[in-house]
Each structure stands twice: as C-alpha cells, then as structure tokens.
Amino acid sequence: MDEPPDPAPPPVKSEAQRAREARLAAALRENLRRRKAQARARAEPPTAPKPPAED
C-alpha cells in the first residue's frame, strides 16, 4: 500500500514574527492578571469605613 507523504516541516518564522508573538503573549498574560485582580476585587465583600473611635 502507498504511504501518505510526510507532512511539510513548519515554516521558519522570521525574527519579527517571533518578536510579535512574544509581545502578544506578554500582553495576554498581563491582561489575564488584570482581569483576575478585577474579579477578586468584585468577589470581596465591600468594606465599610470604620466609625471614628469615641473617647
């Protein structure tokens, strides 16, 4: 039986493409951190200011 041809090797990425992907990955990580912090802040019960202590 005939074997299927080997898949072509992945194309070589240029330095500009690698740099762009690295910037996008960093931006996505930062966005995820920011969104998690916002979600944690929303999940916390609201804190009311304490009344001043009376003497």
N, C-alpha and C. Protein backbone atom coordinates (compact mmCIF):
# COMPACT_ATOMS: atom_id res chain seq x y z
N MET A 1 0.83 -1.19 0.00
CA MET A 1 0.00 0.00 0.00
C MET A 1 0.88 1.25 0.00
N ASP A 2 0.33 2.29 -0.54
CA ASP A 2 1.06 3.55 -0.58
C ASP A 2 0.95 4.25 0.76
N GLU A 3 2.07 4.79 1.21
CA GLU A 3 2.07 5.56 2.46
C GLU A 3 1.78 7.02 2.14
N PRO A 4 1.06 7.71 3.03
CA PRO A 4 0.81 9.14 2.77
C PRO A 4 2.13 9.90 2.84
N PRO A 5 2.25 10.94 2.05
CA PRO A 5 3.51 11.71 2.08
C PRO A 5 3.71 12.36 3.44
N ASP A 6 4.97 12.54 3.80
CA ASP A 6 5.29 13.19 5.08
C ASP A 6 4.78 14.63 5.04
N PRO A 7 4.23 15.10 6.17
CA PRO A 7 3.77 16.49 6.18
C PRO A 7 4.97 17.43 6.04
N ALA A 8 4.72 18.55 5.45
CA ALA A 8 5.79 19.53 5.25
C ALA A 8 6.25 20.07 6.60
N PRO A 9 7.52 20.36 6.73
CA PRO A 9 8.00 20.93 8.01
C PRO A 9 7.36 22.30 8.23
N PRO A 10 7.20 22.70 9.49
CA PRO A 10 6.58 24.00 9.76
C PRO A 10 7.43 25.12 9.15
N PRO A 11 6.80 26.17 8.67
CA PRO A 11 7.58 27.26 8.07
C PRO A 11 8.44 27.94 9.13
N VAL A 12 9.58 28.39 8.71
CA VAL A 12 10.51 29.07 9.61
C VAL A 12 9.99 30.49 9.83
N LYS A 13 9.90 30.89 11.10
CA LYS A 13 9.39 32.23 11.42
C LYS A 13 10.53 33.22 11.44
N SER A 14 10.23 34.41 10.97
CA SER A 14 11.24 35.45 10.96
C SER A 14 11.39 36.01 12.38
N GLU A 15 12.44 36.75 12.57
CA GLU A 15 12.69 37.36 13.89
C GLU A 15 11.56 38.32 14.26
N ALA A 16 11.03 39.04 13.26
CA ALA A 16 9.93 39.97 13.52
C ALA A 16 8.68 39.22 13.98
N GLN A 17 8.41 38.08 13.37
CA GLN A 17 7.24 37.29 13.76
C GLN A 17 7.39 36.76 15.18
N ARG A 18 8.60 36.29 15.51
CA ARG A 18 8.84 35.79 16.87
C ARG A 18 8.70 36.90 17.89
N ALA A 19 9.21 38.09 17.56
CA ALA A 19 9.11 39.23 18.48
C ALA A 19 7.65 39.62 18.68
N ARG A 20 6.88 39.62 17.59
CA ARG A 20 5.45 39.97 17.68
C ARG A 20 4.72 38.97 18.55
N GLU A 21 4.99 37.69 18.34
CA GLU A 21 4.32 36.67 19.15
C GLU A 21 4.69 36.81 20.63
N ALA A 22 5.93 37.14 20.91
CA ALA A 22 6.36 37.32 22.30
C ALA A 22 5.64 38.52 22.92
N ARG A 23 5.52 39.63 22.16
CA ARG A 23 4.79 40.80 22.68
C ARG A 23 3.33 40.47 22.93
N LEU A 24 2.71 39.75 22.00
CA LEU A 24 1.30 39.40 22.17
C LEU A 24 1.10 38.47 23.36
N ALA A 25 2.01 37.52 23.53
CA ALA A 25 1.90 36.60 24.66
C ALA A 25 2.03 37.36 25.98
N ALA A 26 2.97 38.31 26.04
CA ALA A 26 3.14 39.10 27.26
C ALA A 26 1.90 39.95 27.52
N ALA A 27 1.32 40.52 26.48
CA ALA A 27 0.12 41.34 26.64
C ALA A 27 -1.05 40.49 27.13
N LEU A 28 -1.17 39.28 26.61
CA LEU A 28 -2.25 38.39 27.05
C LEU A 28 -2.08 38.00 28.51
N ARG A 29 -0.84 37.72 28.93
CA ARG A 29 -0.60 37.38 30.33
C ARG A 29 -0.96 38.54 31.24
N GLU A 30 -0.56 39.76 30.86
CA GLU A 30 -0.86 40.95 31.67
C GLU A 30 -2.35 41.18 31.74
N ASN A 31 -3.04 41.01 30.62
CA ASN A 31 -4.49 41.18 30.58
C ASN A 31 -5.16 40.17 31.50
N LEU A 32 -4.69 38.93 31.48
CA LEU A 32 -5.26 37.90 32.35
C LEU A 32 -5.05 38.26 33.82
N ARG A 33 -3.86 38.73 34.17
CA ARG A 33 -3.59 39.14 35.56
C ARG A 33 -4.54 40.26 35.99
N ARG A 34 -4.71 41.25 35.10
CA ARG A 34 -5.58 42.38 35.42
C ARG A 34 -7.03 41.93 35.60
N ARG A 35 -7.50 41.05 34.70
CA ARG A 35 -8.88 40.57 34.81
C ARG A 35 -9.08 39.73 36.07
N LYS A 36 -8.09 38.93 36.44
CA LYS A 36 -8.21 38.14 37.68
C LYS A 36 -8.25 39.05 38.90
N ALA A 37 -7.44 40.10 38.89
CA ALA A 37 -7.44 41.04 40.02
C ALA A 37 -8.79 41.74 40.11
N GLN A 38 -9.37 42.10 38.96
CA GLN A 38 -10.69 42.74 38.97
C GLN A 38 -11.74 41.78 39.50
N ALA A 39 -11.67 40.52 39.10
CA ALA A 39 -12.64 39.53 39.56
C ALA A 39 -12.51 39.30 41.06
N ARG A 40 -11.27 39.26 41.55
CA ARG A 40 -11.07 39.10 43.01
C ARG A 40 -11.63 40.30 43.76
N ALA A 41 -11.42 41.49 43.23
CA ALA A 41 -11.91 42.70 43.89
C ALA A 41 -13.44 42.70 43.93
N ARG A 42 -14.07 42.23 42.86
CA ARG A 42 -15.53 42.18 42.85
C ARG A 42 -16.06 41.11 43.79
N ALA A 43 -15.32 40.05 44.00
CA ALA A 43 -15.77 38.94 44.84
C ALA A 43 -15.67 39.28 46.33
N GLU A 44 -14.78 40.22 46.68
CA GLU A 44 -14.62 40.59 48.10
C GLU A 44 -15.86 41.35 48.57
N PRO A 45 -16.28 41.10 49.80
CA PRO A 45 -17.40 41.89 50.32
C PRO A 45 -16.96 43.34 50.48
N PRO A 46 -17.86 44.27 50.22
CA PRO A 46 -17.48 45.68 50.35
C PRO A 46 -17.13 46.00 51.80
N THR A 47 -16.09 46.75 51.96
CA THR A 47 -15.66 47.14 53.30
C THR A 47 -16.18 48.54 53.60
N ALA A 48 -16.89 48.65 54.69
CA ALA A 48 -17.42 49.96 55.11
C ALA A 48 -16.35 50.66 55.96
N PRO A 49 -16.24 51.96 55.84
CA PRO A 49 -15.26 52.67 56.67
C PRO A 49 -15.65 52.55 58.15
N LYS A 50 -14.64 52.38 58.97
CA LYS A 50 -14.91 52.24 60.42
C LYS A 50 -15.26 53.60 61.00
N PRO A 51 -16.24 53.64 61.89
CA PRO A 51 -16.56 54.93 62.53
C PRO A 51 -15.41 55.34 63.45
N PRO A 52 -15.20 56.63 63.60
CA PRO A 52 -14.10 57.07 64.47
C PRO A 52 -14.35 56.63 65.92
N ALA A 53 -13.29 56.29 66.59
CA ALA A 53 -13.39 55.86 67.98
C ALA A 53 -13.78 57.05 68.86
N GLU A 54 -14.73 56.82 69.76
CA GLU A 54 -15.15 57.89 70.67
C GLU A 54 -14.36 57.79 71.96
N ASP A 55 -13.99 58.93 72.51
CA ASP A 55 -13.22 58.95 73.75
C ASP A 55 -14.12 58.94 74.95
